[in-house]
Amino acid sequence: MAEVGQFSVGDDGHATRGVIVCADDFAVNASASMAIAKLARLGRVSATGAMVLSPRWVHDVALLQELRGRMDVGLHLDWTSEFALAAGHGMPLGRAMRRAVLGGFDPVQAQAVIERQLDLFEAHWHAAPDFVDGHQHVQQFAGIREALVVVLLRRYGAQAVRPYLRISRAPPGMADVKGRVIAWMGANALESIASSSYIKRSTNLIGIYNFEGGPRRYEELMTRWLALAPAGAILMCHPAQAAEPDDEIGNARAQEYVYLAGDAFAHALQQAGVVVKRGCEVLAPLKSARD
């Protein structure tokens, strides 16, 4: 298979696009962690973001050890889950959105929260994250986005390979109402800050939906997402082996897992000419400010 930028040419002469398939919410519960590890072993996902404030992170990280170097493991920055509430800095999503719009988060306080979560990540993964994104896309909220770039440069600025960022913005023509709201909360601003700071990022996010409609709708959405996915995009998913009773999107997680583990997803990838890739394989390297 010959490489042509973010595209590859297969043995049959057809071009394929590399897409990062990222399973969000690793460690949110045992069922999700086990599903993500199984999908990674199958080659169906190439990245996962860890919720390190969850008490499960300390134990579930062991599920990823055999996958080290085969998938991207990143920090799923958290301000809005029950774990963030228990940690003392969290708040419901609606309140977090209002704060972001009405003046933003305090950047100094936000830096301290981000540092603590990176410390927890590194303490158990024993390496820097491959990427940073955010639970419910908080990485691009005002105050948090500025703090995040400052912290990433301070911790990893001297490294040859720095964590990349997710820009939560649907590609042109693919954004529904939810997608437009997510992007409006700061996608362009985070991209601008990251660009000026020479931080690599994926600028297209697919997989945005309202977690409703059942298995048939998810399969139809996936067919469309893959058909229109730009090379280097992130396809986010939220799989779990079973629906946990206290998980508000538990049913959607379970149906996603069944689809992603099955033949239908493999066929959809092939039909769309999409290959599951890691970020280092599809995101172009950036020069540093010193170059």
Protein backbone atom coordinates (compact mmCIF):
# COMPACT_ATOMS: atom_id res chain seq x y z
CA MET A 1 0.00 0.00 0.00
CA ALA A 2 1.54 3.29 -1.11
CA GLU A 3 1.17 6.42 1.00
CA VAL A 4 0.02 9.66 -0.63
CA GLY A 5 -0.22 12.30 2.13
CA GLN A 6 -3.27 11.52 4.27
CA PHE A 7 -4.45 9.14 1.57
CA SER A 8 -3.20 5.65 0.73
CA VAL A 9 -3.50 3.64 -2.44
CA GLY A 10 -4.47 0.04 -1.85
CA ASP A 11 -3.46 -3.01 -3.82
CA ASP A 12 -6.59 -2.62 -5.95
CA GLY A 13 -5.55 0.91 -6.95
CA HIS A 14 -8.33 2.64 -5.04
CA ALA A 15 -7.54 5.56 -2.74
CA THR A 16 -8.36 5.20 0.94
CA ARG A 17 -8.64 7.81 3.69
CA GLY A 18 -7.11 7.44 7.13
CA VAL A 19 -9.51 8.31 9.96
CA ILE A 20 -8.90 8.22 13.72
CA VAL A 21 -11.66 6.17 15.38
CA CYS A 22 -11.69 7.36 18.99
CA ALA A 23 -13.68 5.67 21.74
CA ASP A 24 -14.46 8.29 24.37
CA ASP A 25 -14.98 7.76 28.11
CA PHE A 26 -12.49 5.01 28.93
CA ALA A 27 -12.92 4.19 32.66
CA VAL A 28 -16.41 5.71 32.91
CA ASN A 29 -17.47 2.20 33.94
CA ALA A 30 -16.13 -1.34 33.65
CA SER A 31 -18.33 -2.21 30.68
CA ALA A 32 -17.03 0.72 28.63
CA SER A 33 -13.39 0.01 29.45
CA MET A 34 -13.66 -3.64 28.47
CA ALA A 35 -15.51 -2.82 25.24
CA ILE A 36 -12.91 -0.25 24.20
CA ALA A 37 -10.02 -2.63 24.83
CA LYS A 38 -11.73 -5.38 22.82
CA LEU A 39 -12.48 -3.05 19.90
CA ALA A 40 -8.87 -1.88 19.90
CA ARG A 41 -7.62 -5.46 19.72
CA LEU A 42 -9.95 -5.99 16.76
CA GLY A 43 -8.52 -2.91 15.05
CA ARG A 44 -11.90 -1.17 15.07
CA VAL A 45 -10.79 1.79 17.20
CA SER A 46 -7.39 3.48 17.11
CA ALA A 47 -7.66 5.88 20.06
CA THR A 48 -9.32 6.27 23.42
CA GLY A 49 -9.67 9.16 25.86
CA ALA A 50 -9.39 8.32 29.56
CA MET A 51 -11.54 9.80 32.32
CA VAL A 52 -8.78 9.82 34.90
CA LEU A 53 -10.95 11.23 37.71
CA SER A 54 -12.90 7.97 37.71
CA PRO A 55 -11.78 5.58 40.45
CA ARG A 56 -11.74 2.89 37.75
CA TRP A 57 -8.81 4.52 35.91
CA VAL A 58 -6.26 3.12 38.39
CA HIS A 59 -7.38 -0.45 37.63
CA ASP A 60 -8.75 -0.30 34.08
CA VAL A 61 -5.54 1.17 32.66
CA ALA A 62 -4.16 -2.38 32.78
CA LEU A 63 -6.53 -3.28 29.92
CA LEU A 64 -4.59 -0.92 27.65
CA GLN A 65 -1.07 -2.08 28.41
CA GLU A 66 -0.91 -4.74 25.68
CA LEU A 67 -2.12 -2.07 23.22
CA ARG A 68 0.66 0.40 23.98
CA GLY A 69 2.11 1.66 20.72
CA ARG A 70 -0.82 0.25 18.74
CA MET A 71 -3.38 2.92 19.61
CA ASP A 72 -3.48 6.50 20.86
CA VAL A 73 -4.25 6.86 24.57
CA GLY A 74 -5.18 10.35 25.62
CA LEU A 75 -6.72 12.47 28.36
CA HIS A 76 -10.48 13.03 28.19
CA LEU A 77 -10.42 16.30 30.11
CA ASP A 78 -13.33 16.39 32.54
CA TRP A 79 -15.31 19.23 34.09
CA THR A 80 -18.89 17.93 33.92
CA SER A 81 -19.11 14.30 35.04
CA GLU A 82 -19.95 12.91 38.46
CA PHE A 83 -16.21 12.33 38.90
CA ALA A 84 -15.46 16.01 38.33
CA LEU A 85 -18.20 16.96 40.78
CA ALA A 86 -16.65 14.64 43.36
CA ALA A 87 -13.23 16.19 42.69
CA GLY A 88 -14.59 19.61 43.65
CA HIS A 89 -14.28 21.55 40.39
CA GLY A 90 -17.09 20.01 38.38
CA MET A 91 -20.52 21.31 37.43
CA PRO A 92 -23.44 20.25 35.24
CA LEU A 93 -22.95 20.81 31.52
CA GLY A 94 -25.54 23.58 31.29
CA ARG A 95 -23.84 25.56 34.05
CA ALA A 96 -20.43 25.01 32.45
CA MET A 97 -21.74 26.29 29.12
CA ARG A 98 -23.19 29.40 30.75
CA ARG A 99 -19.90 30.12 32.49
CA ALA A 100 -18.01 29.71 29.24
CA VAL A 101 -20.33 32.13 27.44
CA LEU A 102 -20.63 34.67 30.27
CA GLY A 103 -16.99 35.55 30.81
CA GLY A 104 -15.31 32.14 30.74
CA PHE A 105 -13.51 30.03 33.31
CA ASP A 106 -10.68 31.47 35.38
CA PRO A 107 -7.56 30.44 33.40
CA VAL A 108 -5.31 30.12 36.45
CA GLN A 109 -7.77 27.85 38.24
CA ALA A 110 -8.32 25.93 35.02
CA GLN A 111 -4.58 25.36 34.64
CA ALA A 112 -4.46 23.77 38.09
CA VAL A 113 -7.35 21.42 37.22
CA ILE A 114 -5.71 20.41 33.93
CA GLU A 115 -2.35 19.81 35.63
CA ARG A 116 -4.00 17.52 38.20
CA GLN A 117 -5.68 15.46 35.50
CA LEU A 118 -2.46 15.18 33.50
CA ASP A 119 -0.66 14.11 36.68
CA LEU A 120 -3.26 11.37 37.21
CA PHE A 121 -2.92 10.25 33.62
CA GLU A 122 0.87 10.03 33.71
CA ALA A 123 0.96 8.40 37.16
CA HIS A 124 -0.75 5.29 35.79
CA TRP A 125 0.07 5.33 32.05
CA HIS A 126 3.70 6.29 32.73
CA ALA A 127 3.88 8.44 29.61
CA ALA A 128 2.45 11.66 28.24
CA PRO A 129 -0.94 11.44 26.56
CA ASP A 130 -0.99 11.05 22.80
CA PHE A 131 -3.76 13.63 22.66
CA VAL A 132 -6.11 15.71 24.80
CA ASP A 133 -9.80 16.23 24.17
CA GLY A 134 -12.69 16.93 26.50
CA HIS A 135 -15.70 15.20 28.01
CA GLN A 136 -18.68 17.01 26.47
CA HIS A 137 -16.14 19.07 24.51
CA VAL A 138 -15.05 21.25 27.45
CA GLN A 139 -11.54 21.50 25.98
CA GLN A 140 -12.76 24.38 23.82
CA PHE A 141 -14.73 26.33 26.44
CA ALA A 142 -13.51 29.88 27.09
CA GLY A 143 -10.88 29.97 29.83
CA ILE A 144 -10.28 26.22 29.62
CA ARG A 145 -8.95 26.32 26.05
CA GLU A 146 -6.42 29.04 26.85
CA ALA A 147 -5.33 27.23 30.01
CA LEU A 148 -5.01 23.93 28.16
CA VAL A 149 -2.61 25.32 25.54
CA VAL A 150 -0.51 27.00 28.24
CA VAL A 151 -0.23 23.76 30.20
CA LEU A 152 0.56 21.63 27.15
CA LEU A 153 3.36 23.96 26.12
CA ARG A 154 4.74 24.09 29.66
CA ARG A 155 4.74 20.32 30.13
CA TYR A 156 5.48 19.07 26.64
CA GLY A 157 6.78 22.01 24.63
CA ALA A 158 10.34 20.70 24.56
CA GLN A 159 9.30 17.23 23.39
CA ALA A 160 9.73 16.22 19.77
CA VAL A 161 6.19 14.78 19.73
CA ARG A 162 3.52 16.70 21.63
CA PRO A 163 -0.05 15.65 22.37
CA TYR A 164 -2.46 16.60 19.62
CA LEU A 165 -5.82 18.28 20.18
CA ARG A 166 -9.33 17.51 19.04
CA ILE A 167 -11.18 20.40 17.45
CA SER A 168 -14.82 19.49 17.99
CA ARG A 169 -16.29 20.76 14.75
CA ALA A 170 -18.23 18.78 12.16
CA PRO A 171 -16.96 18.99 8.57
CA PRO A 172 -18.75 21.38 6.20
CA GLY A 173 -22.23 20.15 5.35
CA MET A 174 -22.32 17.57 8.16
CA ALA A 175 -23.32 19.66 11.20
CA ASP A 176 -26.78 19.26 12.71
CA VAL A 177 -28.05 21.52 15.49
CA LYS A 178 -26.04 19.70 18.15
CA GLY A 179 -22.92 19.85 16.01
CA ARG A 180 -23.32 23.57 15.43
CA VAL A 181 -23.72 24.24 19.16
CA ILE A 182 -20.62 22.18 19.98
CA ALA A 183 -18.54 24.09 17.43
CA TRP A 184 -19.96 27.45 18.55
CA MET A 185 -18.63 26.83 22.05
CA GLY A 186 -15.10 27.51 20.86
CA ALA A 187 -13.87 25.27 18.04
CA ASN A 188 -12.50 28.13 15.94
CA ALA A 189 -10.92 29.82 18.95
CA LEU A 190 -9.16 26.64 20.10
CA GLU A 191 -7.92 25.95 16.58
CA SER A 192 -6.50 29.47 16.32
CA ILE A 193 -4.70 29.23 19.67
CA ALA A 194 -3.34 25.78 18.90
CA SER A 195 -2.16 26.86 15.46
CA SER A 196 -0.30 29.89 16.78
CA SER A 197 1.29 27.66 19.44
CA TYR A 198 2.38 24.98 16.93
CA ILE A 199 0.21 22.28 18.45
CA LYS A 200 -1.01 19.53 16.13
CA ARG A 201 -4.76 19.01 15.94
CA SER A 202 -7.50 17.17 14.11
CA THR A 203 -9.90 19.77 12.78
CA ASN A 204 -12.87 17.61 11.76
CA LEU A 205 -15.07 15.64 14.16
CA ILE A 206 -17.67 13.13 13.02
CA GLY A 207 -19.88 10.84 15.07
CA ILE A 208 -22.03 13.61 16.59
CA TYR A 209 -25.64 12.56 17.22
CA ASN A 210 -28.23 12.61 20.00
CA PHE A 211 -27.77 8.94 21.03
CA GLU A 212 -31.33 8.13 19.91
CA GLY A 213 -32.93 6.13 17.12
CA GLY A 214 -31.75 2.60 17.77
CA PRO A 215 -29.31 0.34 15.91
CA ARG A 216 -30.76 0.96 12.44
CA ARG A 217 -30.33 4.72 12.73
CA TYR A 218 -26.76 4.35 14.03
CA GLU A 219 -25.85 2.16 11.07
CA GLU A 220 -27.37 4.71 8.67
CA LEU A 221 -25.52 7.58 10.36
CA MET A 222 -22.25 5.67 10.24
CA THR A 223 -22.63 5.02 6.53
CA ARG A 224 -23.05 8.76 5.93
CA TRP A 225 -20.24 9.77 8.31
CA LEU A 226 -17.76 7.44 6.67
CA ALA A 227 -18.78 8.42 3.15
CA LEU A 228 -18.14 12.11 3.88
CA ALA A 229 -15.27 11.85 6.40
CA PRO A 230 -12.22 13.91 5.41
CA ALA A 231 -8.83 12.26 5.77
CA GLY A 232 -7.44 12.88 9.26
CA ALA A 233 -10.87 13.35 10.84
CA ILE A 234 -11.77 11.91 14.23
CA LEU A 235 -14.76 9.59 14.37
CA MET A 236 -15.83 9.58 17.99
CA CYS A 237 -17.83 6.74 19.51
CA HIS A 238 -18.96 5.73 23.00
CA PRO A 239 -19.08 1.91 23.18
CA ALA A 240 -19.79 -0.33 26.17
CA GLN A 241 -20.47 -4.04 26.36
CA ALA A 242 -23.76 -3.49 28.19
CA ALA A 243 -25.98 -0.68 29.37
CA GLU A 244 -25.22 0.29 32.96
CA PRO A 245 -28.38 1.25 34.91
CA ASP A 246 -27.01 4.63 36.03
CA ASP A 247 -25.65 5.60 32.59
CA GLU A 248 -27.96 8.00 30.74
CA ILE A 249 -26.56 6.92 27.35
CA GLY A 250 -26.08 3.28 28.34
CA ASN A 251 -28.38 1.85 25.68
CA ALA A 252 -26.62 3.83 22.96
CA ARG A 253 -23.23 2.65 24.23
CA ALA A 254 -24.31 -0.98 24.02
CA GLN A 255 -25.71 -0.67 20.49
CA GLU A 256 -22.57 1.15 19.34
CA TYR A 257 -20.41 -1.69 20.64
CA VAL A 258 -22.44 -4.35 18.84
CA TYR A 259 -22.18 -2.41 15.57
CA LEU A 260 -18.49 -1.53 15.86
CA ALA A 261 -17.51 -5.12 16.71
CA GLY A 262 -19.55 -6.61 13.90
CA ASP A 263 -19.24 -7.26 10.19
CA ALA A 264 -21.42 -4.27 9.26
CA PHE A 265 -18.81 -1.76 10.43
CA ALA A 266 -16.00 -3.58 8.64
CA HIS A 267 -18.08 -3.56 5.46
CA ALA A 268 -18.94 0.15 5.86
CA LEU A 269 -15.25 1.02 6.23
CA GLN A 270 -14.38 -0.93 3.11
CA GLN A 271 -17.21 0.56 1.07
CA ALA A 272 -16.27 4.10 2.09
CA GLY A 273 -12.55 3.60 1.49
CA VAL A 274 -11.75 4.45 5.11
CA VAL A 275 -8.88 2.89 7.06
CA VAL A 276 -8.66 3.11 10.87
CA LYS A 277 -5.45 4.95 11.74
CA ARG A 278 -3.63 6.51 14.69
CA GLY A 279 -3.09 10.26 14.87
CA CYS A 280 0.63 9.96 14.12
CA GLU A 281 -0.26 8.25 10.86
CA VAL A 282 -2.71 10.84 9.51
CA LEU A 283 -1.95 14.20 11.13
CA ALA A 284 0.82 16.12 9.41
CA PRO A 285 3.77 17.02 11.68
CA LEU A 286 4.12 20.68 12.62
CA LYS A 287 7.26 22.72 12.91
CA SER A 288 7.98 24.33 16.25
CA ALA A 289 8.38 28.06 16.74
CA ARG A 290 12.14 27.48 16.83
CA ASP A 291 12.25 26.01 13.30
